[in-house]
Amino acid sequence: MTDQRSEPVEPAGDVLAALADPTRRHLLDLLAAQGEATATNLAEELPVSRQAVVKHLAVLEAAGLVAGGRVGREVRYAVRPAALNATARWMAALADDWDRRLAAIKRAAEAAEDAPRS
């Protein structure tokens, strides 16, 4: 069976791997609520060090979920929704595929149940 989805799985894999960590999900929530923030500001909201926040932000940035931009001496981070939106579309397409497959199995089972037995 060939994979005919238009979007590659790898970017979705990067996003899902980045979101697997609860601290990174919390960072994303904070950035979504604040619009943009520095690693120092974010560390004040979490029970981890600034250095740990920077490492988590690097993973989120590599997955395309956040972007950091220098403003003077600070690096301000903001959410980039495109990667998350692409992953949501990929997951919806995957769910549609499974819905079609399960519907076909159901039809086959119902047809077999209704068929005369000899």
C-alpha atoms as a PDB file:
ATOM      1  CA  MET A   1       0.000   0.000   0.000  1.00  0.00           C
ATOM      2  CA  THR A   2       1.392   3.405  -0.912  1.00  0.00           C
ATOM      3  CA  ASP A   3       1.085   6.593   1.054  1.00  0.00           C
ATOM      4  CA  GLN A   4      -0.759   9.145  -1.090  1.00  0.00           C
ATOM      5  CA  ARG A   5      -1.021  11.996   1.405  1.00  0.00           C
ATOM      6  CA  SER A   6       0.079  15.319  -0.015  1.00  0.00           C
ATOM      7  CA  GLU A   7       2.007  16.405   3.083  1.00  0.00           C
ATOM      8  CA  PRO A   8       5.074  14.586   4.363  1.00  0.00           C
ATOM      9  CA  VAL A   9       4.899  12.810   7.695  1.00  0.00           C
ATOM     10  CA  GLU A  10       8.320  14.017   8.895  1.00  0.00           C
ATOM     11  CA  PRO A  11       7.318  17.610   9.784  1.00  0.00           C
ATOM     12  CA  ALA A  12       4.309  16.227  11.647  1.00  0.00           C
ATOM     13  CA  GLY A  13       6.666  13.851  13.450  1.00  0.00           C
ATOM     14  CA  ASP A  14       8.885  16.759  14.505  1.00  0.00           C
ATOM     15  CA  VAL A  15       5.870  18.687  15.792  1.00  0.00           C
ATOM     16  CA  LEU A  16       4.457  15.690  17.662  1.00  0.00           C
ATOM     17  CA  ALA A  17       7.848  14.905  19.194  1.00  0.00           C
ATOM     18  CA  ALA A  18       8.209  18.528  20.328  1.00  0.00           C
ATOM     19  CA  LEU A  19       4.707  18.496  21.819  1.00  0.00           C
ATOM     20  CA  ALA A  20       5.314  15.220  23.660  1.00  0.00           C
ATOM     21  CA  ASP A  21       6.939  17.105  26.523  1.00  0.00           C
ATOM     22  CA  PRO A  22       4.553  18.809  28.983  1.00  0.00           C
ATOM     23  CA  THR A  23       6.996  21.667  29.647  1.00  0.00           C
ATOM     24  CA  ARG A  24       7.122  22.489  25.933  1.00  0.00           C
ATOM     25  CA  ARG A  25       3.341  22.375  25.702  1.00  0.00           C
ATOM     26  CA  HIS A  26       3.179  24.775  28.658  1.00  0.00           C
ATOM     27  CA  LEU A  27       5.708  27.083  26.966  1.00  0.00           C
ATOM     28  CA  LEU A  28       3.571  27.089  23.830  1.00  0.00           C
ATOM     29  CA  ASP A  29       0.479  27.935  25.910  1.00  0.00           C
ATOM     30  CA  LEU A  30       2.327  30.788  27.609  1.00  0.00           C
ATOM     31  CA  LEU A  31       3.545  32.186  24.308  1.00  0.00           C
ATOM     32  CA  ALA A  32       0.075  31.909  22.786  1.00  0.00           C
ATOM     33  CA  ALA A  33      -1.360  33.850  25.740  1.00  0.00           C
ATOM     34  CA  GLN A  34       1.402  36.487  25.892  1.00  0.00           C
ATOM     35  CA  GLY A  35       2.020  36.950  22.182  1.00  0.00           C
ATOM     36  CA  GLU A  36       5.781  37.043  22.607  1.00  0.00           C
ATOM     37  CA  ALA A  37       8.205  36.662  25.484  1.00  0.00           C
ATOM     38  CA  THR A  38      11.858  36.195  26.336  1.00  0.00           C
ATOM     39  CA  ALA A  39      13.280  32.999  27.787  1.00  0.00           C
ATOM     40  CA  THR A  40      13.765  34.872  31.078  1.00  0.00           C
ATOM     41  CA  ASN A  41      10.102  35.884  31.214  1.00  0.00           C
ATOM     42  CA  LEU A  42       9.000  32.352  30.420  1.00  0.00           C
ATOM     43  CA  ALA A  43      11.338  30.833  33.026  1.00  0.00           C
ATOM     44  CA  GLU A  44       9.637  32.956  35.700  1.00  0.00           C
ATOM     45  CA  GLU A  45       6.401  31.072  34.930  1.00  0.00           C
ATOM     46  CA  LEU A  46       7.929  27.586  35.087  1.00  0.00           C
ATOM     47  CA  PRO A  47       9.688  25.456  37.697  1.00  0.00           C
ATOM     48  CA  VAL A  48      12.773  25.120  35.470  1.00  0.00           C
ATOM     49  CA  SER A  49      15.869  27.228  34.851  1.00  0.00           C
ATOM     50  CA  ARG A  50      16.249  29.778  32.080  1.00  0.00           C
ATOM     51  CA  GLN A  51      18.789  27.468  30.431  1.00  0.00           C
ATOM     52  CA  ALA A  52      16.241  24.636  30.399  1.00  0.00           C
ATOM     53  CA  VAL A  53      13.655  26.980  28.861  1.00  0.00           C
ATOM     54  CA  VAL A  54      16.155  27.963  26.141  1.00  0.00           C
ATOM     55  CA  LYS A  55      16.730  24.282  25.324  1.00  0.00           C
ATOM     56  CA  HIS A  56      12.980  23.621  25.168  1.00  0.00           C
ATOM     57  CA  LEU A  57      12.511  26.684  22.952  1.00  0.00           C
ATOM     58  CA  ALA A  58      15.236  25.365  20.628  1.00  0.00           C
ATOM     59  CA  VAL A  59      13.279  22.116  20.188  1.00  0.00           C
ATOM     60  CA  LEU A  60      10.066  24.056  19.533  1.00  0.00           C
ATOM     61  CA  GLU A  61      11.898  26.302  17.062  1.00  0.00           C
ATOM     62  CA  ALA A  62      13.423  23.323  15.231  1.00  0.00           C
ATOM     63  CA  ALA A  63       9.901  21.901  14.844  1.00  0.00           C
ATOM     64  CA  GLY A  64       8.700  25.220  13.433  1.00  0.00           C
ATOM     65  CA  LEU A  65       6.356  25.919  16.349  1.00  0.00           C
ATOM     66  CA  VAL A  66       8.043  29.091  17.597  1.00  0.00           C
ATOM     67  CA  ALA A  67      10.367  31.710  16.153  1.00  0.00           C
ATOM     68  CA  GLY A  68      12.907  33.756  18.005  1.00  0.00           C
ATOM     69  CA  GLY A  69      13.819  37.257  16.945  1.00  0.00           C
ATOM     70  CA  ARG A  70      16.474  39.522  18.387  1.00  0.00           C
ATOM     71  CA  VAL A  71      15.267  42.838  19.779  1.00  0.00           C
ATOM     72  CA  GLY A  72      18.291  44.671  21.118  1.00  0.00           C
ATOM     73  CA  ARG A  73      20.014  42.326  23.546  1.00  0.00           C
ATOM     74  CA  GLU A  74      16.951  40.114  23.996  1.00  0.00           C
ATOM     75  CA  VAL A  75      15.617  37.252  21.965  1.00  0.00           C
ATOM     76  CA  ARG A  76      11.825  37.346  21.881  1.00  0.00           C
ATOM     77  CA  TYR A  77       9.924  34.203  21.007  1.00  0.00           C
ATOM     78  CA  ALA A  78       6.479  33.963  19.430  1.00  0.00           C
ATOM     79  CA  VAL A  79       4.241  31.130  18.275  1.00  0.00           C
ATOM     80  CA  ARG A  80       4.306  30.164  14.596  1.00  0.00           C
ATOM     81  CA  PRO A  81       0.989  28.373  13.969  1.00  0.00           C
ATOM     82  CA  ALA A  82       1.766  27.080  10.446  1.00  0.00           C
ATOM     83  CA  ALA A  83       3.504  23.862  11.569  1.00  0.00           C
ATOM     84  CA  LEU A  84       0.765  23.096  14.079  1.00  0.00           C
ATOM     85  CA  ASN A  85      -1.911  23.774  11.451  1.00  0.00           C
ATOM     86  CA  ALA A  86      -0.155  21.477   8.963  1.00  0.00           C
ATOM     87  CA  THR A  87       0.052  18.744  11.591  1.00  0.00           C
ATOM     88  CA  ALA A  88      -3.647  19.152  12.399  1.00  0.00           C
ATOM     89  CA  ARG A  89      -4.480  18.826   8.682  1.00  0.00           C
ATOM     90  CA  TRP A  90      -2.302  15.704   8.431  1.00  0.00           C
ATOM     91  CA  MET A  91      -4.026  14.191  11.477  1.00  0.00           C
ATOM     92  CA  ALA A  92      -7.466  15.018  10.050  1.00  0.00           C
ATOM     93  CA  ALA A  93      -6.552  13.331   6.750  1.00  0.00           C
ATOM     94  CA  LEU A  94      -5.285  10.307   8.657  1.00  0.00           C
ATOM     95  CA  ALA A  95      -8.515  10.166  10.666  1.00  0.00           C
ATOM     96  CA  ASP A  96     -10.537  10.376   7.427  1.00  0.00           C
ATOM     97  CA  ASP A  97      -8.532   7.454   5.988  1.00  0.00           C
ATOM     98  CA  TRP A  98      -9.250   5.342   9.056  1.00  0.00           C
ATOM     99  CA  ASP A  99     -12.925   6.329   9.052  1.00  0.00           C
ATOM    100  CA  ARG A 100     -13.212   5.137   5.426  1.00  0.00           C
ATOM    101  CA  ARG A 101     -11.414   1.877   6.214  1.00  0.00           C
ATOM    102  CA  LEU A 102     -13.557   1.183   9.266  1.00  0.00           C
ATOM    103  CA  ALA A 103     -16.732   1.977   7.306  1.00  0.00           C
ATOM    104  CA  ALA A 104     -15.655  -0.529   4.616  1.00  0.00           C
ATOM    105  CA  ILE A 105     -15.028  -3.183   7.276  1.00  0.00           C
ATOM    106  CA  LYS A 106     -18.441  -2.480   8.788  1.00  0.00           C
ATOM    107  CA  ARG A 107     -20.145  -2.792   5.387  1.00  0.00           C
ATOM    108  CA  ALA A 108     -18.325  -6.068   4.702  1.00  0.00           C
ATOM    109  CA  ALA A 109     -19.290  -7.447   8.115  1.00  0.00           C
ATOM    110  CA  GLU A 110     -22.912  -6.421   7.675  1.00  0.00           C
ATOM    111  CA  ALA A 111     -23.014  -7.918   4.165  1.00  0.00           C
ATOM    112  CA  ALA A 112     -21.578 -11.181   5.471  1.00  0.00           C
ATOM    113  CA  GLU A 113     -24.129 -11.196   8.279  1.00  0.00           C
ATOM    114  CA  ASP A 114     -27.014 -10.627   5.846  1.00  0.00           C
ATOM    115  CA  ALA A 115     -25.813 -13.202   3.303  1.00  0.00           C
ATOM    116  CA  PRO A 116     -27.752 -16.486   3.195  1.00  0.00           C
ATOM    117  CA  ARG A 117     -25.955 -19.323   4.946  1.00  0.00           C
ATOM    118  CA  SER A 118     -25.662 -22.682   3.336  1.00  0.00           C
END
